[in-house]
Amino acid sequence: MTNLVAGEIIIYWKSVMLLREKGFTLLELMAALLVLAVLLGIGVPSFNSISESAKIRSVTHDLKTAVQLARSEAITRRQIAIACRSNATQTACDFNSDWSSGWLVLLQNGADPEVAADVNVIRVWGDIDIVASGAAAGFVFERSGAAEAAATMDITNGTDNRCLDVNVSGRVRLREVACP
């Protein structure tokens, strides 16, 4: 540094000072926070919509799986199988309750699927916070896999709708619209 002339010392001093200046000013920080707040204000509501859509898709898939499992068990075990609303203890069907309290797949051993002693529970699904309604209190499959009767179920969360159809042959179909 002793060999530097006056002009070079000034340039050297400026380059050292530039290297030491790091960080943000308060104004830059406030501007960045404002941009972040605007982006969050726009993004959070659309994320909630995506979350609700994913939730109804998941519940609909679970219900379809339950109905398909009931049909499969009816064919495999050559017994009447039912996918139905569960009672409070999740041991039998409750045709008077709501699907939001959960549902189960069972084999009917006796005369009454609402009596725990007359059924063999295969699988249980817990409660949900989506409204599932329609003509179907349960989906009953004969030993051949055919449905006892055609049935539909409307599944909605207020904004998105799905329709679960079971025809008499036992075919399960899912549509992304409200049931007709």
Foldseek 3Di string as FASTA:
>chain_A
DVPDDPVVVVVVVVVVVVVVDDDDDPVVVVVVVVVVVVVCVVPVVVVVVVVVVVQLVVVVVVLLVQLVVQLVCLQVVVFKKKKAAADQVRQFHDLPDFCQQWIFIWTAQDDDRRDNVRIGTDDIDGGDDKGKDFPDRMWIAGSNSFTPAWTKIWIGRPPWIKIWTAHRRNDIDIDRDGDD
